[in-house]
Structure formats: structure tokens, C-alpha cells
Amino acid sequence: MSYQLIRLSAGFEMRVDIPGRLILVDSVSTGQGVDIALVRNGTPAPYIPGRQAGFRLVEDFGGVLLRSALDCEVGIFLSINDVQLGGTAGGEVVIPTGVAVTNDLAHSIPVTLTSSSNTTPIPVSLASIRVNNTPAQPIPVSFAGTVSPVLGVVTVDNTNAEAIPMLQKPGEVFEVHVNNAVPLPVSVNNTDAQAVFVQPKATAVFMVDDKKRTLIVDAAPVAVGLAATAISSDAAYKRLVIRNDSALAVIALGGAGVTMANAVFVLEPGDVFIENDAPGAAWFGLADVAGGIVQIQGLK
């Protein structure tokens, strides 16, 4: 058995004229490996490219040729008999084509990042990180110091049943912007059973400003017959007053499909209806007999 430690210059061929029937690569100092060709009867066979440490070949030969694309050092056994190498502590295994690890959700792969110093962070750079967990398996995230804002658009996709709690710092102003435009009004949509708590600052005065209506619009009377007739649709109205000015007819009020049978608001002659919730909606009316009249007054 012969052990050779050979220094190869990039692009140059090295010939070792030692016969045998086993080649075992012990070490290669570059990640690209070394090209090996057998010599039989003075004629070299085609090169086997990129061999790394641990490469083993049993074949009769009269010598070997070695070459490398980079300057490197190669340790190689040439022997007639078998040679076995044991692993060394901390030994590095290099697989040029990469290692594929396949597992399922029940077999997790723990990963620990360490550094030479406890204060030196380990950078992790991945094009895409996907964490697949359930609502019962939250992922804790801890930040120390100041966290820089996220540039661009942050999208939070949740359902109505998955509320996102928000805590605002004292003195901060909460604004909603779209594409860096001016702030938009914030709307809180809740029901009577879902109260929204408001806590004013100390010494602050909390006021509800009910804006007074300053313009009265006396619209022309509208004749109402046996079919639904449009009587008012001014979106600027803040309050709508309707009076049945008929002598005998009963007037039904509602939407475009209102009838005497489905009407909720029914006015006898002389009755007055005041609408504050939807005064600017499209209101229709019809009478139970021909010749109905309604008077319209709007407040803006």
C-alpha cells in the first residue's frame, strides 16, 4: 500500500506510476474535487471528474493521472489490497450535488444556529420561509430594541372570527392611509350589543356635535295613484317630512316595490311621517284610491 500527498497546480496533470487495484481518496482541499484517470499498459483511460474524499475504486491499473481546476492538495491511497478508513471527529462531508431531506409533518427537523460568540447573531437568508401551524400552535416572536418599519404593503388576511387586537401608545394619532394619500376616516362597524369604549384624556372634554339643519326645502306636492310613485330622492336631505294631504286616500310609503299589503308606513289623511334614518333614500308612495296627494319637506 502507498499513501501519496500530492500538490496539484490548477490545470496541470500529475502522473503517479504506482500499480495497484484499489484507489481511495483520503482528502481533497477544494470543494470542486479532483479528476482521476487510470493508466493501463501506458494508456490513460477517460477522466472520472470531481472526486471527493471517500471516493473508492477497485480496478487493476498501472498508474493514475490526477488533475484539478484549482490549486489543491490531494491525499490518496494506492494499494493492491483493500483499505478501510474510519471517520474522524468533526470530519466534513461534501456532496457536490446537494442533500435532499424528505420528511412529513409528524417528523420535524430541529435546526440550531450557533456562533463563535454568544453576542454575534447568525444571519439567515432565505428567498421564502413558510411556517405551517394551526391556531392552537402560536409562533412566539420576540424583538429587542427598535424594530424598523416594513416598507411597502403589509397585508393581514383574517376572518371575522379572528380579531386582531391593536394597542396604541398614549398620545399617538391613529390614521389610515391608502397608497400614501391623505388620511381616510376610520369607521367602526358594531351592533347595539357590541359597545365601543371611548376614554378621553385627563382634563379633556368629550362632546357630541349634533349639527343643526339650516336649510328647509318645501318641495312641490306629488300626486300619488294606485301604482308606486317616486316622491323623494334627494341625497342631501338630513331629515324628511311627508304629510298625507289627501281628503280620503290612505297613503302607503316605502321603496320601489311598496304595496298596500307590504307597506310598513301607512298615512291616513292629514298624518305626518318624519324620517331621520334614511332621509336621502329613494322614497315611493301609493294610495288605496285614485287622487292621493303628499306634501314633501326636506331639511339640509
Protein backbone atom coordinates (compact mmCIF):
# COMPACT_ATOMS: atom_id res chain seq x y z
CA MET A 1 0.00 0.00 0.00
CA SER A 2 1.20 3.51 -0.82
CA TYR A 3 -0.17 6.80 0.57
CA GLN A 4 0.58 9.88 -1.56
CA LEU A 5 0.04 13.54 -0.55
CA ILE A 6 0.15 15.40 -3.85
CA ARG A 7 0.01 19.13 -4.56
CA LEU A 8 -1.74 19.90 -7.85
CA SER A 9 -1.42 23.15 -9.79
CA ALA A 10 -4.57 24.41 -11.49
CA GLY A 11 -4.98 22.91 -14.97
CA PHE A 12 -1.84 20.74 -14.83
CA GLU A 13 -1.82 16.94 -14.96
CA MET A 14 0.11 14.85 -12.40
CA ARG A 15 1.01 11.21 -13.15
CA VAL A 16 1.71 8.68 -10.39
CA ASP A 17 3.28 5.46 -11.74
CA ILE A 18 2.36 3.13 -8.88
CA PRO A 19 0.46 -0.05 -9.88
CA GLY A 20 -2.38 -1.49 -7.84
CA ARG A 21 -6.04 -2.46 -7.91
CA LEU A 22 -7.59 -0.04 -5.36
CA ILE A 23 -7.77 3.75 -5.30
CA LEU A 24 -9.06 5.50 -2.16
CA VAL A 25 -9.19 9.32 -1.93
CA ASP A 26 -8.46 10.37 1.66
CA SER A 27 -8.67 14.16 1.35
CA VAL A 28 -9.19 16.98 -1.17
CA SER A 29 -8.51 20.59 -0.16
CA THR A 30 -11.05 22.18 -2.58
CA GLY A 31 -14.79 21.79 -2.90
CA GLN A 32 -14.55 21.05 -6.62
CA GLY A 33 -12.76 17.76 -6.05
CA VAL A 34 -10.10 16.15 -8.23
CA ASP A 35 -10.28 14.40 -11.64
CA ILE A 36 -8.85 10.84 -11.68
CA ALA A 37 -7.92 8.64 -14.66
CA LEU A 38 -6.49 5.10 -14.60
CA VAL A 39 -3.41 4.18 -16.66
CA ARG A 40 -3.36 0.67 -18.16
CA ASN A 41 -0.46 -0.56 -20.31
CA GLY A 42 0.79 3.03 -20.55
CA THR A 43 -2.54 4.31 -21.92
CA PRO A 44 -4.74 6.58 -19.74
CA ALA A 45 -8.48 5.92 -19.52
CA PRO A 46 -11.01 8.80 -19.59
CA TYR A 47 -11.04 11.02 -16.51
CA ILE A 48 -13.55 10.50 -13.72
CA PRO A 49 -14.30 14.13 -12.79
CA GLY A 50 -14.79 15.85 -9.43
CA ARG A 51 -13.94 13.04 -6.98
CA GLN A 52 -14.08 13.97 -3.28
CA ALA A 53 -12.73 12.45 -0.08
CA GLY A 54 -14.08 8.93 0.39
CA PHE A 55 -14.07 8.06 -3.33
CA ARG A 56 -13.17 4.39 -3.72
CA LEU A 57 -12.43 2.44 -6.92
CA VAL A 58 -11.41 -1.22 -7.23
CA GLU A 59 -9.84 -1.77 -10.64
CA ASP A 60 -6.45 -3.02 -11.92
CA PHE A 61 -4.17 -0.19 -13.01
CA GLY A 62 -0.52 0.50 -13.73
CA GLY A 63 -0.71 4.14 -12.54
CA VAL A 64 -3.08 7.09 -12.16
CA LEU A 65 -3.42 10.61 -13.54
CA LEU A 66 -4.63 13.46 -11.33
CA ARG A 67 -5.71 16.98 -12.25
CA SER A 68 -7.70 19.87 -10.72
CA ALA A 69 -9.21 23.11 -11.97
CA LEU A 70 -7.85 24.85 -8.84
CA ASP A 71 -4.62 24.64 -6.87
CA CYS A 72 -5.20 21.94 -4.29
CA GLU A 73 -3.70 19.20 -2.17
CA VAL A 74 -4.87 15.58 -2.55
CA GLY A 75 -4.30 12.66 -0.17
CA ILE A 76 -4.69 9.30 -1.95
CA PHE A 77 -4.16 5.60 -1.16
CA LEU A 78 -2.88 3.29 -3.95
CA SER A 79 -2.97 -0.35 -2.93
CA ILE A 80 -3.18 -3.91 -4.14
CA ASN A 81 -5.12 -4.95 -1.02
CA ASP A 82 -8.29 -3.47 0.48
CA VAL A 83 -8.05 -0.30 2.58
CA GLN A 84 -10.70 0.81 5.14
CA LEU A 85 -10.84 4.33 6.61
CA GLY A 86 -12.64 5.23 9.85
CA GLY A 87 -14.48 8.54 10.33
CA THR A 88 -12.81 11.34 12.29
CA ALA A 89 -14.46 13.63 14.82
CA GLY A 90 -15.58 16.83 13.15
CA GLY A 91 -14.92 15.45 9.70
CA GLU A 92 -16.61 17.31 6.84
CA VAL A 93 -18.70 15.51 4.25
CA VAL A 94 -19.04 17.34 0.93
CA ILE A 95 -21.69 16.28 -1.60
CA PRO A 96 -21.44 18.49 -4.72
CA THR A 97 -25.00 17.77 -5.88
CA GLY A 98 -26.58 18.68 -2.52
CA VAL A 99 -28.54 16.67 0.04
CA ALA A 100 -32.33 16.20 -0.19
CA VAL A 101 -34.17 15.65 3.12
CA THR A 102 -37.76 14.43 2.87
CA ASN A 103 -39.97 14.29 5.95
CA ASP A 104 -43.61 14.67 6.93
CA LEU A 105 -45.42 16.84 9.47
CA ALA A 106 -45.02 14.20 12.16
CA HIS A 107 -41.23 14.17 11.84
CA SER A 108 -39.83 17.65 12.41
CA ILE A 109 -36.20 18.53 11.78
CA PRO A 110 -34.71 20.64 14.60
CA VAL A 111 -32.30 23.36 13.50
CA THR A 112 -29.94 25.15 15.89
CA LEU A 113 -27.90 28.20 14.84
CA THR A 114 -24.74 28.88 16.83
CA SER A 115 -21.82 31.25 16.53
CA SER A 116 -18.34 31.60 17.93
CA SER A 117 -19.58 34.37 20.19
CA ASN A 118 -22.78 34.48 22.25
CA THR A 119 -23.26 38.11 21.16
CA THR A 120 -22.80 37.52 17.44
CA PRO A 121 -26.08 36.93 15.58
CA ILE A 122 -26.32 34.29 12.89
CA PRO A 123 -27.76 35.74 9.64
CA VAL A 124 -30.38 33.56 7.95
CA SER A 125 -31.17 34.45 4.35
CA LEU A 126 -33.89 32.51 2.56
CA ALA A 127 -35.90 33.52 -0.51
CA SER A 128 -39.08 32.20 1.09
CA ILE A 129 -39.81 30.97 4.62
CA ARG A 130 -43.05 29.08 5.13
CA VAL A 131 -44.31 28.16 8.59
CA ASN A 132 -47.32 25.85 8.62
CA ASN A 133 -49.03 25.72 12.00
CA THR A 134 -52.52 25.67 13.47
CA PRO A 135 -54.28 28.35 15.59
CA ALA A 136 -53.54 26.17 18.62
CA GLN A 137 -49.80 26.34 17.87
CA PRO A 138 -48.83 30.04 18.03
CA ILE A 139 -45.35 31.10 16.98
CA PRO A 140 -43.81 33.47 19.57
CA VAL A 141 -41.80 36.36 18.13
CA SER A 142 -39.59 38.45 20.38
CA PHE A 143 -37.94 41.74 19.36
CA ALA A 144 -35.33 43.59 21.34
CA GLY A 145 -34.73 47.30 20.82
CA THR A 146 -36.29 49.19 17.94
CA VAL A 147 -37.90 47.30 15.08
CA SER A 148 -37.63 49.13 11.76
CA PRO A 149 -40.91 49.70 9.89
CA VAL A 150 -41.85 47.47 6.99
CA LEU A 151 -41.55 49.31 3.69
CA GLY A 152 -44.27 48.60 1.18
CA VAL A 153 -47.65 46.99 1.82
CA VAL A 154 -48.40 44.77 4.80
CA THR A 155 -51.43 42.51 4.27
CA VAL A 156 -53.16 40.80 7.17
CA ASP A 157 -55.60 38.13 5.99
CA ASN A 158 -58.02 37.03 8.69
CA THR A 159 -61.69 36.19 9.13
CA ASN A 160 -64.39 37.91 11.16
CA ALA A 161 -63.86 35.34 13.91
CA GLU A 162 -60.14 36.11 14.13
CA ALA A 163 -59.85 39.54 15.67
CA ILE A 164 -56.52 41.39 15.60
CA PRO A 165 -56.02 43.33 18.85
CA MET A 166 -54.32 46.71 18.48
CA LEU A 167 -52.74 48.72 21.29
CA GLN A 168 -52.00 52.37 20.62
CA LYS A 169 -49.39 54.31 22.56
CA PRO A 170 -50.57 57.27 24.68
CA GLY A 171 -50.52 60.48 22.67
CA GLU A 172 -50.20 58.73 19.31
CA VAL A 173 -52.53 59.61 16.43
CA PHE A 174 -54.11 56.69 14.58
CA GLU A 175 -54.59 57.33 10.87
CA VAL A 176 -55.47 55.17 7.87
CA HIS A 177 -53.65 55.93 4.61
CA VAL A 178 -54.03 54.27 1.20
CA ASN A 179 -51.04 54.49 -1.17
CA ASN A 180 -49.54 57.38 0.86
CA ALA A 181 -52.61 59.54 0.21
CA VAL A 182 -54.30 61.82 2.74
CA PRO A 183 -55.72 60.13 5.86
CA LEU A 184 -59.08 58.41 5.48
CA PRO A 185 -61.87 58.44 8.06
CA VAL A 186 -61.92 55.39 10.32
CA SER A 187 -65.28 53.62 10.57
CA VAL A 188 -66.15 51.31 13.46
CA ASN A 189 -68.95 48.91 12.50
CA ASN A 190 -70.61 47.34 15.51
CA THR A 191 -74.05 46.37 16.78
CA ASP A 192 -76.05 47.63 19.76
CA ALA A 193 -74.76 44.63 21.72
CA GLN A 194 -71.11 45.46 20.92
CA ALA A 195 -70.29 48.69 22.68
CA VAL A 196 -67.23 50.71 21.68
CA PHE A 197 -65.48 52.17 24.72
CA VAL A 198 -64.12 55.71 24.47
CA GLN A 199 -61.74 57.04 27.13
CA PRO A 200 -60.85 60.74 26.91
CA LYS A 201 -57.56 62.10 28.21
CA ALA A 202 -57.38 63.69 31.62
CA THR A 203 -58.96 67.22 31.70
CA ALA A 204 -60.26 66.64 28.13
CA VAL A 205 -63.88 67.48 27.32
CA PHE A 206 -65.86 64.87 25.38
CA MET A 207 -68.56 66.38 23.20
CA VAL A 208 -71.03 65.02 20.65
CA ASP A 209 -71.72 67.62 17.98
CA ASP A 210 -75.19 67.18 16.50
CA LYS A 211 -75.01 69.56 13.56
CA LYS A 212 -78.09 71.76 13.22
CA ARG A 213 -80.05 71.79 9.97
CA THR A 214 -80.00 75.24 8.38
CA LEU A 215 -81.96 74.83 5.12
CA ILE A 216 -85.67 73.99 4.70
CA VAL A 217 -86.78 72.74 1.28
CA ASP A 218 -90.54 72.87 0.59
CA ALA A 219 -90.92 70.58 -2.41
CA ALA A 220 -93.91 70.66 -4.75
CA PRO A 221 -96.86 68.38 -3.87
CA VAL A 222 -96.71 64.94 -5.51
CA ALA A 223 -99.79 63.16 -6.88
CA VAL A 224 -99.95 59.54 -5.80
CA GLY A 225 -102.10 56.96 -7.56
CA LEU A 226 -102.77 53.24 -7.32
CA ALA A 227 -99.20 52.33 -8.51
CA ALA A 228 -95.98 53.09 -6.63
CA THR A 229 -94.82 56.62 -7.50
CA ALA A 230 -91.43 58.25 -6.71
CA ILE A 231 -91.99 61.08 -4.22
CA SER A 232 -88.48 61.99 -2.94
CA SER A 233 -84.81 61.03 -3.62
CA ASP A 234 -82.61 63.96 -2.58
CA ALA A 235 -79.37 62.54 -1.12
CA ALA A 236 -78.63 65.88 0.60
CA TYR A 237 -81.65 65.63 2.90
CA LYS A 238 -80.76 65.18 6.58
CA ARG A 239 -84.42 64.92 7.58
CA LEU A 240 -87.54 64.18 5.50
CA VAL A 241 -91.13 65.15 6.42
CA ILE A 242 -94.08 63.70 4.47
CA ARG A 243 -97.76 64.63 5.02
CA ASN A 244 -100.81 62.95 3.51
CA ASP A 245 -102.66 65.91 2.01
CA SER A 246 -105.45 63.75 0.60
CA ALA A 247 -109.09 64.17 1.56
CA LEU A 248 -109.95 60.46 1.50
CA ALA A 249 -106.96 58.41 0.26
CA VAL A 250 -104.73 56.35 2.56
CA ILE A 251 -101.06 56.65 1.52
CA ALA A 252 -98.50 53.80 1.84
CA LEU A 253 -94.75 54.72 1.95
CA GLY A 254 -91.70 52.55 1.17
CA GLY A 255 -89.32 51.53 -1.60
CA ALA A 256 -89.95 50.97 -5.30
CA GLY A 257 -91.80 47.71 -4.56
CA VAL A 258 -94.13 49.09 -1.91
CA THR A 259 -97.78 47.96 -1.96
CA MET A 260 -100.72 48.49 0.33
CA ALA A 261 -100.18 44.90 1.53
CA ASN A 262 -96.45 45.12 2.39
CA ALA A 263 -96.19 48.75 3.48
CA VAL A 264 -94.80 49.44 6.94
CA PHE A 265 -95.65 53.15 6.98
CA VAL A 266 -99.29 53.97 6.22
CA LEU A 267 -100.63 57.54 6.49
CA GLU A 268 -104.28 58.39 6.99
CA PRO A 269 -105.45 61.76 5.60
CA GLY A 270 -103.63 64.50 7.50
CA ASP A 271 -101.00 62.17 9.04
CA VAL A 272 -97.31 63.28 9.08
CA PHE A 273 -94.28 60.97 8.70
CA ILE A 274 -90.77 62.13 9.80
CA GLU A 275 -87.74 60.18 8.56
CA ASN A 276 -84.29 60.67 10.19
CA ASP A 277 -82.50 57.39 9.41
CA ALA A 278 -82.65 57.41 5.58
CA PRO A 279 -84.00 60.80 4.50
CA GLY A 280 -81.89 60.83 1.33
CA ALA A 281 -83.11 57.43 0.08
CA ALA A 282 -85.46 56.96 -2.87
CA TRP A 283 -88.96 57.01 -1.33
CA PHE A 284 -92.11 55.83 -3.12
CA GLY A 285 -95.79 56.08 -2.27
CA LEU A 286 -99.16 54.82 -3.50
CA ALA A 287 -102.79 55.34 -2.49
CA ASP A 288 -105.64 52.97 -1.89
CA VAL A 289 -107.80 55.11 -4.18
CA ALA A 290 -107.03 57.45 -7.04
CA GLY A 291 -106.28 61.10 -6.34
CA GLY A 292 -103.83 60.86 -3.44
CA ILE A 293 -101.57 63.87 -2.67
CA VAL A 294 -98.45 64.11 -0.46
CA GLN A 295 -96.59 67.21 0.70
CA ILE A 296 -92.78 66.91 0.96
CA GLN A 297 -90.45 68.96 3.16
CA GLY A 298 -86.72 68.33 3.38
CA LEU A 299 -84.11 69.69 5.81
CA LYS A 300 -80.48 70.15 4.81
